[in-house]
Protein backbone atom coordinates (compact mmCIF):
# COMPACT_ATOMS: atom_id res chain seq x y z
CA UNK A 1 -34.63 -39.19 53.87
CA UNK A 2 -38.02 -37.61 53.32
CA UNK A 3 -37.75 -37.50 49.54
CA UNK A 4 -36.71 -41.15 49.44
CA UNK A 5 -39.61 -42.21 51.58
CA UNK A 6 -41.99 -40.28 49.41
CA UNK A 7 -40.64 -41.98 46.39
CA UNK A 8 -40.92 -45.41 47.98
CA UNK A 9 -44.50 -44.82 49.08
CA UNK A 10 -45.48 -43.68 45.60
CA UNK A 11 -43.77 -46.75 44.21
CA UNK A 12 -45.68 -49.03 46.52
CA UNK A 13 -48.92 -47.39 45.47
CA UNK A 14 -48.04 -48.14 41.85
CA UNK A 15 -46.93 -51.74 42.64
CA UNK A 16 -43.28 -51.25 41.86
CA UNK A 17 -40.29 -51.47 44.19
CA UNK A 18 -38.37 -48.37 45.02
CA UNK A 19 -35.11 -49.80 43.78
CA UNK A 20 -36.67 -50.43 40.39
CA UNK A 21 -37.89 -46.91 40.13
CA UNK A 22 -34.50 -45.57 41.14
CA UNK A 23 -32.82 -47.72 38.62
CA UNK A 24 -35.29 -46.60 36.01
CA UNK A 25 -34.63 -43.01 36.91
CA UNK A 26 -30.93 -43.53 36.41
CA UNK A 27 -31.29 -45.60 33.25
CA UNK A 28 -31.12 -42.88 30.59
CA UNK A 29 -27.85 -41.36 31.83
CA UNK A 30 -26.29 -44.79 32.39
CA UNK A 31 -27.33 -46.09 28.99
CA UNK A 32 -25.90 -43.11 27.21
CA UNK A 33 -22.56 -43.51 28.93
CA UNK A 34 -22.47 -47.23 28.23
CA UNK A 35 -22.98 -46.66 24.48
CA UNK A 36 -20.25 -44.03 24.33
CA UNK A 37 -17.78 -46.30 26.10
CA UNK A 38 -18.61 -49.76 24.83
CA UNK A 39 -19.61 -49.07 21.22
CA UNK A 40 -17.03 -49.82 18.48
CA UNK A 41 -16.27 -46.72 16.28
CA UNK A 42 -17.30 -47.06 12.65
CA UNK A 43 -14.26 -46.95 10.31
CA UNK A 44 -14.41 -45.69 6.75
CA UNK A 45 -14.54 -48.37 4.10
CA UNK A 46 -11.21 -49.77 3.11
CA UNK A 47 -9.84 -48.69 -0.27
CA UNK A 48 -9.27 -51.34 -2.84
CA UNK A 49 -5.55 -51.68 -3.37
CA UNK A 50 -5.81 -54.18 -6.21
CA UNK A 51 -4.34 -57.58 -6.50
CA UNK A 52 -0.79 -58.41 -7.38
CA UNK A 53 -0.19 -60.38 -10.50
CA UNK A 54 2.74 -61.43 -12.56
CA UNK A 55 4.08 -58.84 -14.98
CA UNK A 56 5.37 -59.49 -18.46
CA UNK A 57 9.01 -59.31 -19.30
CA UNK A 58 8.51 -56.24 -21.51
CA UNK A 59 6.56 -54.26 -18.92
CA UNK A 60 7.59 -50.59 -18.83
CA UNK A 61 5.11 -49.24 -16.33
CA UNK A 62 3.09 -46.09 -16.92
CA UNK A 63 6.15 -44.06 -18.00
CA UNK A 64 7.29 -44.15 -21.59
CA UNK A 65 10.19 -42.01 -22.79
CA UNK A 66 9.32 -39.35 -25.35
CA UNK A 67 11.85 -40.85 -27.74
CA UNK A 68 9.69 -43.98 -28.06
CA UNK A 69 6.76 -42.00 -29.43
CA UNK A 70 9.10 -39.89 -31.55
CA UNK A 71 10.68 -42.98 -33.08
CA UNK A 72 7.24 -44.39 -33.83
CA UNK A 73 6.16 -41.13 -35.48
CA UNK A 74 9.31 -41.03 -37.60
CA UNK A 75 8.89 -44.66 -38.66
CA UNK A 76 5.26 -44.11 -39.62
CA UNK A 77 6.09 -41.03 -41.67
CA UNK A 78 4.07 -38.60 -39.55
CA UNK A 79 7.16 -36.50 -38.88
CA UNK A 80 10.29 -35.72 -40.85
CA UNK A 81 13.67 -36.40 -39.36
CA UNK A 82 15.38 -33.00 -38.96
CA UNK A 83 18.80 -34.64 -39.17
CA UNK A 84 18.00 -35.86 -42.68
CA UNK A 85 16.49 -32.61 -43.92
CA UNK A 86 18.53 -30.50 -46.34
CA UNK A 87 18.52 -26.76 -45.87
CA UNK A 88 17.25 -24.74 -48.80
CA UNK A 89 19.98 -22.81 -50.53
CA UNK A 90 17.55 -20.04 -51.42
CA UNK A 91 16.57 -19.59 -47.80
CA UNK A 92 20.16 -19.51 -46.65
CA UNK A 93 21.11 -16.98 -49.31
CA UNK A 94 18.14 -14.78 -48.39
CA UNK A 95 19.11 -14.99 -44.75
CA UNK A 96 22.67 -13.99 -45.60
CA UNK A 97 21.39 -10.97 -47.51
CA UNK A 98 19.14 -9.94 -44.68
CA UNK A 99 20.52 -6.93 -42.77
CA UNK A 100 21.76 -7.73 -39.34
CA UNK A 101 20.95 -3.75 -37.37
CA UNK A 102 21.76 -0.02 -35.08
CA UNK A 103 25.74 1.07 -33.02
CA UNK A 104 23.33 -0.18 -35.09
CA UNK A 105 23.74 0.73 -33.75
CA UNK A 106 25.24 0.79 -32.42
CA UNK A 107 26.73 -2.19 -32.00
CA UNK A 108 25.09 -6.91 -33.85
CA UNK A 109 29.90 -12.00 -35.36
CA UNK A 110 33.40 -11.43 -36.86
CA UNK A 111 32.54 -8.00 -38.24
CA UNK A 112 31.18 -6.96 -34.83
CA UNK A 113 34.05 -6.84 -32.42
CA UNK A 114 31.77 -6.26 -29.42
CA UNK A 115 31.52 -8.67 -26.58
CA UNK A 116 28.71 -11.16 -26.26
CA UNK A 117 25.18 -9.98 -25.74
CA UNK A 118 24.89 -11.21 -22.17
CA UNK A 119 28.41 -10.55 -21.01
CA UNK A 120 27.77 -7.12 -19.58
CA UNK A 121 24.03 -6.86 -19.24
CA UNK A 122 21.32 -6.30 -21.78
CA UNK A 123 19.99 -3.24 -23.45
CA UNK A 124 16.40 -3.47 -22.20
CA UNK A 125 16.38 -6.75 -24.05
CA UNK A 126 18.58 -5.33 -26.83
CA UNK A 127 22.31 -5.92 -26.84
CA UNK A 128 24.50 -3.05 -27.93
CA UNK A 129 27.43 -5.43 -28.03
CA UNK A 130 25.80 -7.44 -30.77
CA UNK A 131 25.58 -4.64 -33.30
CA UNK A 132 27.41 -4.05 -36.54
CA UNK A 133 27.88 -1.29 -39.06
CA UNK A 134 25.35 -0.78 -41.78
CA UNK A 135 26.40 -1.61 -45.31
CA UNK A 136 28.44 1.14 -46.87
CA UNK A 137 27.35 0.61 -50.45
CA UNK A 138 25.75 3.56 -52.18
CA UNK A 139 21.99 3.41 -51.90
CA UNK A 140 19.16 4.04 -54.32
CA UNK A 141 18.57 7.57 -55.61
CA UNK A 142 16.84 10.14 -53.48
CA UNK A 143 13.26 11.18 -53.96
CA UNK A 144 12.58 13.46 -56.86
CA UNK A 145 14.66 11.41 -59.29
CA UNK A 146 17.87 13.31 -58.56
CA UNK A 147 20.81 10.89 -58.56
CA UNK A 148 22.76 10.87 -55.38
CA UNK A 149 26.40 10.72 -56.47
CA UNK A 150 27.62 11.44 -52.96
CA UNK A 151 29.89 8.62 -51.78
CA UNK A 152 28.47 6.43 -49.05
CA UNK A 153 31.41 7.20 -46.77
CA UNK A 154 30.18 10.80 -46.46
CA UNK A 155 26.92 9.72 -44.79
CA UNK A 156 26.48 9.02 -41.08
CA UNK A 157 27.03 5.38 -40.27
CA UNK A 158 24.54 3.49 -38.13
CA UNK A 159 24.96 0.43 -35.93
CA UNK A 160 22.34 -2.22 -36.52
CA UNK A 161 21.05 -4.92 -34.18
CA UNK A 162 20.93 -8.61 -35.10
CA UNK A 163 17.75 -10.17 -36.39
CA UNK A 164 17.32 -12.55 -33.43
CA UNK A 165 16.44 -9.61 -31.16
CA UNK A 166 13.18 -9.26 -33.10
CA UNK A 167 13.50 -5.55 -33.79
CA UNK A 168 12.48 -3.96 -37.10
CA UNK A 169 15.13 -4.06 -39.80
CA UNK A 170 16.60 -0.67 -40.54
CA UNK A 171 16.46 0.76 -44.04
CA UNK A 172 18.97 3.09 -45.62
CA UNK A 173 18.42 6.69 -44.59
CA UNK A 174 18.09 7.92 -48.18
CA UNK A 175 15.82 5.13 -49.41
CA UNK A 176 12.07 5.45 -49.86
CA UNK A 177 9.69 2.77 -48.64
CA UNK A 178 7.30 1.30 -51.22
CA UNK A 179 3.60 2.02 -50.57
CA UNK A 180 2.84 -1.45 -49.21
CA UNK A 181 5.81 -1.41 -46.81
CA UNK A 182 4.91 2.09 -45.74
CA UNK A 183 1.38 0.98 -44.87
CA UNK A 184 2.75 -1.98 -42.94
CA UNK A 185 5.15 0.26 -41.03
CA UNK A 186 2.35 2.66 -40.06
CA UNK A 187 0.30 -0.25 -38.76
CA UNK A 188 3.22 -1.55 -36.71
CA UNK A 189 3.76 1.93 -35.28
CA UNK A 190 0.18 1.99 -34.01
CA UNK A 191 0.61 -1.44 -32.44
CA UNK A 192 3.87 -0.45 -30.76
CA UNK A 193 2.35 2.76 -29.37
CA UNK A 194 -0.37 0.68 -27.76
CA UNK A 195 2.26 -1.76 -26.49
CA UNK A 196 4.30 1.00 -24.86
CA UNK A 197 1.19 2.22 -23.04
CA UNK A 198 0.36 -1.30 -21.84
CA UNK A 199 3.94 -1.98 -20.70
CA UNK A 200 4.02 1.32 -18.85
CA UNK A 201 0.85 0.45 -16.93
CA UNK A 202 2.18 -3.02 -16.16
CA UNK A 203 5.55 -1.59 -15.00
CA UNK A 204 7.47 -3.69 -17.54
CA UNK A 205 10.36 -1.34 -18.16
CA UNK A 206 12.48 -3.53 -20.43
CA UNK A 207 9.59 -4.41 -22.73
CA UNK A 208 8.62 -0.75 -22.86
CA UNK A 209 12.17 0.23 -23.78
CA UNK A 210 12.31 -2.37 -26.54
CA UNK A 211 9.03 -1.04 -27.93
CA UNK A 212 10.29 2.56 -27.89
CA UNK A 213 13.45 1.52 -29.73
CA UNK A 214 11.41 -0.32 -32.36
CA UNK A 215 9.25 2.77 -32.78
CA UNK A 216 12.36 4.84 -33.40
CA UNK A 217 13.62 2.45 -36.08
CA UNK A 218 10.29 2.39 -37.90
CA UNK A 219 10.06 6.18 -37.84
CA UNK A 220 13.61 6.39 -39.16
CA UNK A 221 12.58 4.15 -42.05
CA UNK A 222 9.71 6.54 -42.78
CA UNK A 223 12.02 9.56 -42.62
CA UNK A 224 10.31 10.92 -39.49
CA UNK A 225 13.52 11.77 -37.69
CA UNK A 226 12.01 14.24 -35.22
CA UNK A 227 9.42 11.73 -34.02
CA UNK A 228 12.14 9.08 -33.89
CA UNK A 229 14.16 11.35 -31.60
CA UNK A 230 11.22 11.38 -29.17
CA UNK A 231 11.17 7.57 -29.16
CA UNK A 232 14.93 7.37 -28.61
CA UNK A 233 14.65 9.84 -25.74
CA UNK A 234 12.12 7.55 -24.06
CA UNK A 235 14.41 4.60 -24.71
CA UNK A 236 17.30 6.50 -23.13
CA UNK A 237 15.19 7.35 -20.07
CA UNK A 238 14.28 3.71 -19.50
CA UNK A 239 17.87 2.56 -19.97
CA UNK A 240 18.97 5.03 -17.31
CA UNK A 241 16.32 3.72 -14.93
CA UNK A 242 17.55 0.17 -15.57
CA UNK A 243 21.22 1.20 -15.17
CA UNK A 244 21.85 -0.19 -18.64
CA UNK A 245 25.05 1.40 -19.93
CA UNK A 246 24.97 -0.40 -23.26
CA UNK A 247 21.41 0.69 -23.86
CA UNK A 248 22.37 4.28 -23.09
CA UNK A 249 25.21 4.08 -25.60
CA UNK A 250 22.83 2.76 -28.25
CA UNK A 251 20.36 5.56 -27.51
CA UNK A 252 23.10 8.20 -27.68
CA UNK A 253 24.19 6.82 -31.05
CA UNK A 254 20.68 6.86 -32.52
CA UNK A 255 20.01 10.38 -31.25
CA UNK A 256 23.32 11.64 -32.63
CA UNK A 257 22.74 10.21 -36.10
CA UNK A 258 19.21 11.64 -36.29
CA UNK A 259 20.38 15.09 -35.23
CA UNK A 260 23.19 14.84 -37.77
CA UNK A 261 20.75 13.95 -40.54
CA UNK A 262 18.50 16.85 -39.56
CA UNK A 263 21.48 19.21 -39.37
CA UNK A 264 22.89 18.22 -42.74
CA UNK A 265 19.63 18.30 -44.72
CA UNK A 266 19.94 19.82 -48.16
CA UNK A 267 17.10 20.78 -50.40
CA UNK A 268 16.74 19.01 -53.71
CA UNK A 269 17.22 22.34 -55.51
CA UNK A 270 20.51 22.83 -53.72
CA UNK A 271 21.60 19.32 -54.63
CA UNK A 272 20.64 19.83 -58.27
CA UNK A 273 22.37 23.18 -58.58
CA UNK A 274 25.40 22.00 -56.64
CA UNK A 275 26.62 19.59 -59.29
CA UNK A 276 29.35 22.03 -60.29
CA UNK A 277 30.46 22.31 -56.68
CA UNK A 278 30.86 18.53 -56.67
CA UNK A 279 32.91 18.44 -59.84
CA UNK A 280 35.85 17.09 -57.90
CA UNK A 281 34.00 13.82 -57.27
CA UNK A 282 33.25 14.51 -53.62
CA UNK A 283 30.51 16.27 -51.74
CA UNK A 284 32.34 18.91 -49.80
CA UNK A 285 30.09 21.27 -47.91
CA UNK A 286 31.00 24.88 -47.39
CA UNK A 287 30.55 26.64 -44.12
CA UNK A 288 27.81 28.80 -45.61
CA UNK A 289 25.71 26.01 -47.08
CA UNK A 290 22.09 27.09 -46.55
CA UNK A 291 21.00 23.51 -45.92
CA UNK A 292 23.29 23.02 -42.92
CA UNK A 293 21.83 23.66 -39.47
CA UNK A 294 24.70 24.27 -37.02
CA UNK A 295 22.57 23.88 -33.88
CA UNK A 296 21.49 20.39 -34.95
CA UNK A 297 25.05 19.41 -35.80
CA UNK A 298 26.27 20.65 -32.40
CA UNK A 299 23.68 18.44 -30.71
CA UNK A 300 24.82 15.54 -32.88
CA UNK A 301 28.44 16.06 -31.85
CA UNK A 302 27.39 16.19 -28.18
CA UNK A 303 25.60 12.83 -28.39
CA UNK A 304 28.43 11.31 -30.44
CA UNK A 305 30.77 12.24 -27.60
CA UNK A 306 28.40 10.63 -25.07
CA UNK A 307 28.33 7.52 -27.22
CA UNK A 308 32.13 7.47 -27.47
CA UNK A 309 32.51 7.73 -23.69
CA UNK A 310 30.22 4.78 -22.94
CA UNK A 311 31.12 2.29 -25.67
CA UNK A 312 33.91 -0.08 -26.63
CA UNK A 313 36.34 0.02 -29.55
CA UNK A 314 33.90 -0.31 -32.40
CA UNK A 315 31.59 2.20 -30.76
CA UNK A 316 34.45 4.67 -30.50
CA UNK A 317 35.28 4.05 -34.15
CA UNK A 318 31.72 4.84 -35.26
CA UNK A 319 31.52 7.89 -33.00
CA UNK A 320 34.78 9.38 -34.32
CA UNK A 321 33.77 8.64 -37.91
CA UNK A 322 30.42 10.39 -37.57
CA UNK A 323 31.92 13.29 -35.62
CA UNK A 324 34.40 13.83 -38.43
CA UNK A 325 31.53 14.10 -40.90
CA UNK A 326 29.65 16.52 -38.62
CA UNK A 327 32.70 18.75 -38.21
CA UNK A 328 33.20 18.69 -41.99
CA UNK A 329 29.61 19.92 -42.45
CA UNK A 330 30.35 22.72 -40.00
CA UNK A 331 33.46 23.66 -41.97
CA UNK A 332 35.90 22.78 -39.17
CA UNK A 333 38.45 20.92 -41.28
CA UNK A 334 41.04 20.33 -38.58
CA UNK A 335 38.58 18.72 -36.17
CA UNK A 336 37.17 16.64 -39.01
CA UNK A 337 40.58 15.30 -40.03
CA UNK A 338 41.59 14.52 -36.43
CA UNK A 339 38.41 12.51 -35.82
CA UNK A 340 38.81 10.58 -39.05
CA UNK A 341 42.40 9.78 -38.10
CA UNK A 342 41.18 8.43 -34.74
CA UNK A 343 38.62 6.35 -36.60
CA UNK A 344 41.35 4.94 -38.84
CA UNK A 345 43.45 4.08 -35.78
CA UNK A 346 40.57 2.14 -34.19
CA UNK A 347 39.88 0.38 -37.50
CA UNK A 348 43.50 -0.76 -37.65
CA UNK A 349 43.27 -2.00 -34.07
CA UNK A 350 40.17 -3.98 -34.99
CA UNK A 351 41.82 -5.25 -38.19
CA UNK A 352 38.63 -4.37 -40.03
CA UNK A 353 38.98 -3.76 -43.75
CA UNK A 354 35.51 -2.29 -43.89
CA UNK A 355 36.36 0.14 -41.10
CA UNK A 356 39.58 1.12 -42.86
CA UNK A 357 37.69 1.78 -46.08
CA UNK A 358 35.24 4.03 -44.24
CA UNK A 359 37.95 6.02 -42.49
CA UNK A 360 40.24 6.34 -45.53
CA UNK A 361 37.32 7.20 -47.76
CA UNK A 362 36.22 9.93 -45.35
CA UNK A 363 39.72 11.36 -45.32
CA UNK A 364 39.93 11.29 -49.11
CA UNK A 365 36.44 12.51 -50.03
CA UNK A 366 35.54 14.74 -47.07
CA UNK A 367 36.51 18.32 -46.38
CA UNK A 368 39.70 18.24 -44.33
CA UNK A 369 43.28 19.35 -44.03
CA UNK A 370 44.29 17.43 -47.16
CA UNK A 371 42.26 19.57 -49.55
CA UNK A 372 45.37 21.51 -50.55
CA UNK A 373 47.53 18.40 -50.85
CA UNK A 374 46.50 16.55 -54.06
CA UNK A 375 49.30 14.00 -53.72
CA UNK A 376 48.09 12.95 -50.26
CA UNK A 377 44.48 12.79 -51.40
CA UNK A 378 45.50 10.69 -54.39
CA UNK A 379 47.35 8.23 -52.16
CA UNK A 380 44.29 7.89 -49.91
CA UNK A 381 41.92 7.37 -52.83
CA UNK A 382 44.18 4.74 -54.43
CA UNK A 383 44.19 2.81 -51.17
CA UNK A 384 40.42 3.22 -50.99
CA UNK A 385 40.06 1.73 -54.48
CA UNK A 386 42.07 -1.33 -53.38
CA UNK A 387 39.88 -1.81 -50.31
CA UNK A 388 36.68 -1.46 -52.35
CA UNK A 389 37.96 -4.06 -54.78
CA UNK A 390 38.74 -6.44 -51.89
CA UNK A 391 35.36 -5.84 -50.23
CA UNK A 392 33.46 -6.14 -53.55
CA UNK A 393 31.95 -2.65 -53.42
CA UNK A 394 31.69 -1.63 -57.08
CA UNK A 395 29.62 1.51 -56.48
CA UNK A 396 32.14 3.00 -54.09
CA UNK A 397 34.95 1.89 -56.37
CA UNK A 398 33.34 3.74 -59.28
CA UNK A 399 33.15 6.95 -57.24
CA UNK A 400 36.81 6.56 -56.21
CA UNK A 401 38.00 6.00 -59.79
CA UNK A 402 36.06 9.07 -60.89
CA UNK A 403 37.73 11.04 -58.10
CA UNK A 404 41.17 9.90 -59.30
CA UNK A 405 40.29 10.94 -62.85
CA UNK A 406 39.27 14.40 -61.65
CA UNK A 407 42.50 14.80 -59.65
CA UNK A 408 44.61 13.76 -62.63
CA UNK A 409 42.72 16.17 -64.89
CA UNK A 410 43.29 19.04 -62.44
CA UNK A 411 47.02 18.33 -62.48
CA UNK A 412 47.10 18.32 -66.29
CA UNK A 413 47.70 14.57 -66.56
CA UNK A 414 45.13 14.00 -69.28
CA UNK A 415 46.20 10.49 -70.25
CA UNK A 416 45.94 9.25 -66.68
CA UNK A 417 42.62 11.01 -66.36
CA UNK A 418 41.34 9.17 -69.44
CA UNK A 419 42.59 5.89 -67.99
CA UNK A 420 40.78 6.39 -64.68
CA UNK A 421 37.54 7.52 -66.30
CA UNK A 422 37.57 4.49 -68.60
CA UNK A 423 38.02 2.18 -65.61
CA UNK A 424 35.20 3.99 -63.82
CA UNK A 425 32.93 3.45 -66.85
CA UNK A 426 33.75 -0.28 -66.91
CA UNK A 427 33.12 -0.60 -63.18
CA UNK A 428 29.79 1.27 -63.40
CA UNK A 429 28.71 -0.84 -66.35
CA UNK A 430 29.53 -4.05 -64.46
CA UNK A 431 26.92 -3.37 -61.77
CA UNK A 432 24.41 -1.52 -63.93
CA UNK A 433 24.87 2.03 -62.64
CA UNK A 434 23.70 3.99 -65.69
CA UNK A 435 23.92 7.41 -64.06
CA UNK A 436 27.56 6.94 -63.05
CA UNK A 437 28.36 5.53 -66.49
CA UNK A 438 26.90 8.59 -68.22
CA UNK A 439 28.72 10.97 -65.89
CA UNK A 440 32.06 9.26 -66.38
CA UNK A 441 31.51 9.13 -70.17
CA UNK A 442 31.03 12.88 -70.26
CA UNK A 443 34.14 13.39 -68.16
CA UNK A 444 36.06 10.99 -70.41
CA UNK A 445 35.09 13.03 -73.46
CA UNK A 446 36.20 16.25 -71.78
CA UNK A 447 39.53 14.71 -70.77
CA UNK A 448 40.09 13.37 -74.30
CA UNK A 449 39.28 16.80 -75.73
CA UNK A 450 41.70 18.47 -73.37
CA UNK A 451 44.42 15.99 -74.30
CA UNK A 452 43.95 16.58 -78.02
CA UNK A 453 43.74 20.30 -77.44
CA UNK A 454 47.07 20.19 -75.64
CA UNK A 455 48.59 18.23 -78.55
CA UNK A 456 47.10 20.67 -81.04
CA UNK A 457 48.44 23.71 -79.18
CA UNK A 458 51.88 22.15 -78.84
CA UNK A 459 51.88 21.43 -82.58
CA UNK A 460 50.98 25.01 -83.38
CA UNK A 461 53.79 26.26 -81.15
CA UNK A 462 56.32 23.96 -82.81
CA UNK A 463 55.32 25.06 -86.29
CA UNK A 464 55.51 28.70 -85.27
CA UNK A 465 59.00 28.15 -83.87
CA UNK A 466 60.14 26.41 -87.10
CA UNK A 467 58.76 29.18 -89.25
CA UNK A 468 60.62 31.78 -87.25
């Protein structure tokens, strides 16, 4: 009570009642509470929603189909209608002449009996199942101007990949790149080396594997087979990390062919001086050929076996075909013939005329068990001529006709020899092969001379008998 009385007395001295002072003392707290309770909260301004109005009958809203703009662009002539465009015949013919690629590869259509590219996984972005065999026509002459009369069937066959996989197109192993293409290839190699480094840092295994494979193809085109082997080894490593069986088969195939090319290298001097050894129309290699490297050929056979174990029918066909050639270079005739017979069996299963021509040609031209059986070799070569005629391969057909002429000449059948050499000359002239035409003309002259010599000798004998 004392504090209240003190307050009241002080209020009386100031001329104000005590109740007023008490109310004034409580005013600030009461006023603040009254504002918090009684005041209306301020709302944000209302958004303008617009006013409704009548819409036209042709109103389509803010969405217009893309076909409306496309139709307007076609009507105004800003775009051409693709359905009315005619494909250029020149472009289609160039695309048909463009090589497809590796078991190719290994191995990418009707001539490629593999399954679809995505049916059993991908080869680090490359499909082994989409490959096809390289063309088996005889290629341009080797460097140094020495004509390469060796039949195409006696060279290792590659499996190429299709163009849509965006890998470099593979050139023939005995062809030489022009200077401008060589410069372009070297530039692409530098770009791909940088790409492999970038993909490795980014942990993009499939892109890295595709780059390594492309590097191998470009180095093959340049003839750098040892460096290409390094690229294919990296490609094989990545395919194993990705558990890509088709990619491993493709890598095995590429490694095997490169080792086989390195193992069967022959110097140009050996090729030039070995024309007499090839007088029978083939290119049979003896076991003591100084150009043959057995250790490289053994490695090639090992990788061909790995390829055969991990591939389908066409892969097995290519593996057996190349193994037969490798065994022939090593001088193992029995193993060579057996592998070529397996290749012919797979070609018959595939119903591939091209595969049959490769297998039969290898049996007829290569070193095998039929070397001492001219009748069997002649039957094989005659069948090979028919297949080359069906497949429109005039270069191979010329080599086969020359082989038949040589066989007939060795058996003393000079008239048949003349007939075959004349057909070989006509075939070589039809596709402009001057070297083959000259060779067959020389052989034709020799056969005609032998025939007349035989007639002359028989005439001398008859006259001597009559005189006696």
